[in-house]
Amino acid sequence: MSGRSGERAADRIRIGVILVLLIGAALGSLWVLQSMRAAGDQQAAQRPRGKPDYYLENFSYVKMGPNGLPRYDMSGVKMVHYPTDDSFEITKPVVHNLDQGKPPMELYSDTARVTDEQTQIHMYGNANAIRAPYKGREQMRVVSDYLLLLPDDEIVKTDKPVAMTMGTTRLNGVGMVANNATQVVQLFGNVRGYYEPTPKKR
């Protein structure tokens, strides 16, 4: 009996050791997997674009339209070109539309990234879009942390919180599409507004 009890105890010890090893291996594999995922997320967030091939300081250029007329001009403190995706990164960008048939607009931000053959201008940090008074309409200002300008379509949009001011009207929302060609502005999500009536002249 004592011999069998000893064998059973030895079997239990072996099984316990095997279970500990299996659990340790499983936990080790889980840790490795989580580490790989974390490293992958970090690489995706920092997404290297390779080395720039040229840069310009205190630059200004004009983008021409297919009809040979100027569409918009852009200036900034510094512009860096990345050949891997043909994108530009710009410090302190300022954009003006030059279409005489559309309301004058100015956009500026802390930084910008120009992508997709210069059809998209992503503006980051203190992004402002200002439409000048036009044909009896008051000045409009839009402020957000991020604005996407589609210069060929005269559209400015964002999926971030945005504040819009037009005369004595102030609106806030999350998400916006503003079409400068049609002068239609849409605000989405959690829209709040304030309107102060203009005092009547006596």
Protein backbone atom coordinates (compact mmCIF):
# COMPACT_ATOMS: atom_id res chain seq x y z
CA MET A 1 0.00 0.00 0.00
CA SER A 2 2.74 2.35 0.89
CA GLY A 3 4.43 1.64 -2.45
CA ARG A 4 1.28 2.47 -4.38
CA SER A 5 0.74 5.62 -2.34
CA GLY A 6 4.28 6.69 -3.13
CA GLU A 7 3.72 6.08 -6.87
CA ARG A 8 0.49 8.06 -6.76
CA ALA A 9 2.22 10.94 -4.99
CA ALA A 10 5.01 10.87 -7.57
CA ASP A 11 2.43 10.88 -10.39
CA ARG A 12 0.69 13.87 -8.83
CA ILE A 13 3.98 15.72 -8.57
CA ARG A 14 4.82 14.98 -12.22
CA ILE A 15 1.36 16.09 -13.35
CA GLY A 16 1.66 19.24 -11.22
CA VAL A 17 5.06 20.05 -12.74
CA ILE A 18 3.71 19.48 -16.27
CA LEU A 19 0.70 21.74 -15.59
CA VAL A 20 2.95 24.48 -14.22
CA LEU A 21 5.17 24.24 -17.30
CA LEU A 22 2.17 24.33 -19.66
CA ILE A 23 0.63 27.31 -17.86
CA GLY A 24 3.98 29.09 -17.88
CA ALA A 25 4.40 28.42 -21.60
CA ALA A 26 0.86 29.70 -22.28
CA LEU A 27 1.42 32.86 -20.25
CA GLY A 28 4.77 33.41 -21.97
CA SER A 29 3.16 33.05 -25.40
CA LEU A 30 0.41 35.51 -24.39
CA TRP A 31 3.03 38.03 -23.21
CA VAL A 32 4.98 37.70 -26.48
CA LEU A 33 1.77 38.16 -28.49
CA GLN A 34 0.77 41.29 -26.55
CA SER A 35 4.28 42.70 -26.95
CA MET A 36 4.17 42.14 -30.69
CA ARG A 37 0.76 43.80 -30.94
CA ALA A 38 1.94 46.79 -28.91
CA ALA A 39 5.04 47.14 -31.08
CA GLY A 40 2.91 46.86 -34.21
CA ASP A 41 0.52 49.58 -32.99
CA GLN A 42 3.42 51.86 -32.17
CA GLN A 43 4.96 51.33 -35.62
CA ALA A 44 1.60 52.05 -37.27
CA ALA A 45 1.19 55.27 -35.27
CA GLN A 46 4.68 56.50 -36.12
CA ARG A 47 4.48 55.19 -39.71
CA PRO A 48 7.89 55.97 -41.22
CA ARG A 49 7.74 57.58 -44.64
CA GLY A 50 11.44 57.41 -45.40
CA LYS A 51 13.76 60.36 -45.76
CA PRO A 52 12.67 63.62 -47.42
CA ASP A 53 14.36 64.49 -50.70
CA TYR A 54 14.01 68.29 -50.49
CA TYR A 55 12.57 71.10 -48.42
CA LEU A 56 11.71 74.79 -48.87
CA GLU A 57 11.64 77.57 -46.31
CA ASN A 58 9.38 80.66 -46.36
CA PHE A 59 7.79 79.39 -49.54
CA SER A 60 4.74 80.37 -51.58
CA TYR A 61 3.25 78.63 -54.59
CA VAL A 62 0.12 78.80 -56.73
CA LYS A 63 -1.86 75.73 -57.83
CA MET A 64 -3.31 76.10 -61.34
CA GLY A 65 -6.58 74.55 -62.46
CA PRO A 66 -7.18 72.55 -65.65
CA ASN A 67 -8.46 75.73 -67.34
CA GLY A 68 -5.11 77.42 -66.79
CA LEU A 69 -6.45 79.77 -64.13
CA PRO A 70 -5.12 79.87 -60.55
CA ARG A 71 -7.15 77.80 -58.08
CA TYR A 72 -5.44 78.58 -54.76
CA ASP A 73 -2.15 79.68 -53.28
CA MET A 74 -0.33 78.23 -50.30
CA SER A 75 2.46 79.67 -48.20
CA GLY A 76 4.26 78.53 -45.07
CA VAL A 77 7.35 78.63 -42.92
CA LYS A 78 8.67 75.28 -44.17
CA MET A 79 7.63 72.56 -46.63
CA VAL A 80 9.19 69.08 -46.66
CA HIS A 81 8.61 66.56 -49.49
CA TYR A 82 8.55 62.78 -48.93
CA PRO A 83 9.10 60.86 -52.18
CA THR A 84 7.81 57.50 -50.88
CA ASP A 85 4.19 58.69 -51.01
CA ASP A 86 4.70 62.06 -52.76
CA SER A 87 3.35 63.93 -49.74
CA PHE A 88 4.28 67.30 -48.25
CA GLU A 89 4.46 68.32 -44.61
CA ILE A 90 4.06 72.05 -44.00
CA THR A 91 4.72 74.21 -40.97
CA LYS A 92 2.39 77.19 -40.41
CA PRO A 93 0.46 76.80 -43.68
CA VAL A 94 -1.83 79.51 -45.05
CA VAL A 95 -4.17 78.77 -47.97
CA HIS A 96 -6.23 81.25 -50.04
CA ASN A 97 -8.67 80.34 -52.78
CA LEU A 98 -8.19 82.40 -55.95
CA ASP A 99 -11.41 81.64 -57.83
CA GLN A 100 -12.97 85.02 -58.54
CA GLY A 101 -16.43 83.48 -58.79
CA LYS A 102 -16.36 82.01 -55.26
CA PRO A 103 -16.38 83.68 -51.83
CA PRO A 104 -12.82 84.50 -50.68
CA MET A 105 -11.57 81.98 -48.11
CA GLU A 106 -8.45 81.74 -45.96
CA LEU A 107 -7.36 78.66 -44.05
CA TYR A 108 -4.45 78.31 -41.64
CA SER A 109 -3.20 75.90 -38.97
CA ASP A 110 -0.10 74.87 -37.05
CA THR A 111 0.83 72.12 -39.49
CA ALA A 112 -0.54 70.48 -42.62
CA ARG A 113 -0.02 67.40 -44.74
CA VAL A 114 -0.73 67.50 -48.48
CA THR A 115 -1.59 64.11 -50.01
CA ASP A 116 -3.21 62.37 -52.99
CA GLU A 117 -1.57 64.44 -55.73
CA GLN A 118 -2.31 67.67 -53.82
CA THR A 119 -6.07 67.06 -53.82
CA GLN A 120 -6.25 66.78 -50.01
CA ILE A 121 -4.80 69.20 -47.47
CA HIS A 122 -4.99 67.90 -43.90
CA MET A 123 -4.68 70.80 -41.45
CA TYR A 124 -3.77 70.07 -37.82
CA GLY A 125 -3.74 72.18 -34.66
CA ASN A 126 -5.55 75.52 -34.33
CA ALA A 127 -7.13 74.96 -37.76
CA ASN A 128 -9.17 77.94 -38.94
CA ALA A 129 -11.27 78.48 -42.05
CA ILE A 130 -12.48 82.04 -42.64
CA ARG A 131 -14.92 83.01 -45.40
CA ALA A 132 -14.94 86.75 -46.04
CA PRO A 133 -18.22 88.70 -46.25
CA TYR A 134 -19.74 87.99 -49.66
CA LYS A 135 -22.84 89.27 -51.42
CA GLY A 136 -24.52 90.46 -48.23
CA ARG A 137 -23.49 87.44 -46.15
CA GLU A 138 -21.50 87.95 -42.97
CA GLN A 139 -18.02 86.61 -42.34
CA MET A 140 -17.94 82.97 -41.27
CA ARG A 141 -15.18 81.42 -39.15
CA VAL A 142 -14.75 77.71 -38.45
CA VAL A 143 -12.29 76.48 -35.80
CA SER A 144 -11.25 72.90 -35.05
CA ASP A 145 -8.24 70.77 -34.14
CA TYR A 146 -8.42 69.22 -37.63
CA LEU A 147 -9.79 70.36 -40.97
CA LEU A 148 -9.61 68.55 -44.30
CA LEU A 149 -9.55 70.88 -47.30
CA LEU A 150 -10.50 69.53 -50.72
CA PRO A 151 -9.36 72.53 -52.78
CA ASP A 152 -10.58 71.26 -56.15
CA ASP A 153 -14.11 70.87 -54.76
CA GLU A 154 -14.08 73.98 -52.53
CA ILE A 155 -15.03 71.76 -49.56
CA VAL A 156 -13.82 71.88 -45.95
CA LYS A 157 -14.81 69.09 -43.59
CA THR A 158 -13.94 67.46 -40.27
CA ASP A 159 -15.05 64.63 -38.00
CA LYS A 160 -13.74 66.44 -34.90
CA PRO A 161 -15.45 68.97 -32.59
CA VAL A 162 -15.92 72.26 -34.41
CA ALA A 163 -17.01 75.80 -33.54
CA MET A 164 -18.57 78.09 -36.14
CA THR A 165 -19.23 81.82 -35.85
CA MET A 166 -21.25 83.90 -38.29
CA GLY A 167 -22.12 87.40 -37.15
CA THR A 168 -23.89 87.03 -33.80
CA THR A 169 -24.61 83.34 -34.36
CA ARG A 170 -22.36 80.75 -32.73
CA LEU A 171 -22.71 77.02 -33.37
CA ASN A 172 -20.85 74.00 -31.99
CA GLY A 173 -20.98 70.40 -33.13
CA VAL A 174 -19.00 67.26 -33.84
CA GLY A 175 -18.41 66.82 -37.56
CA MET A 176 -18.95 69.35 -40.34
CA VAL A 177 -19.04 69.73 -44.11
CA ALA A 178 -18.78 73.25 -45.57
CA ASN A 179 -19.13 73.79 -49.31
CA ASN A 180 -17.75 77.16 -50.36
CA ALA A 181 -19.14 76.81 -53.88
CA THR A 182 -22.75 76.39 -52.74
CA GLN A 183 -22.25 78.23 -49.41
CA VAL A 184 -23.99 75.37 -47.58
CA VAL A 185 -22.68 74.29 -44.15
CA GLN A 186 -23.76 71.11 -42.35
CA LEU A 187 -23.04 70.39 -38.69
CA PHE A 188 -23.46 66.91 -37.22
CA GLY A 189 -23.65 65.43 -33.74
CA ASN A 190 -24.31 67.24 -30.46
CA VAL A 191 -25.10 70.54 -32.19
CA ARG A 192 -25.58 73.53 -29.90
CA GLY A 193 -26.20 77.13 -30.91
CA TYR A 194 -26.40 80.68 -29.63
CA TYR A 195 -27.99 83.59 -31.44
CA GLU A 196 -27.96 87.20 -30.32
CA PRO A 197 -30.49 89.36 -32.17
CA THR A 198 -29.11 92.45 -33.85
CA PRO A 199 -30.28 95.60 -32.01
CA LYS A 200 -32.90 97.50 -33.97
CA LYS A 201 -31.94 100.94 -35.20
CA ARG A 202 -34.00 103.78 -33.72
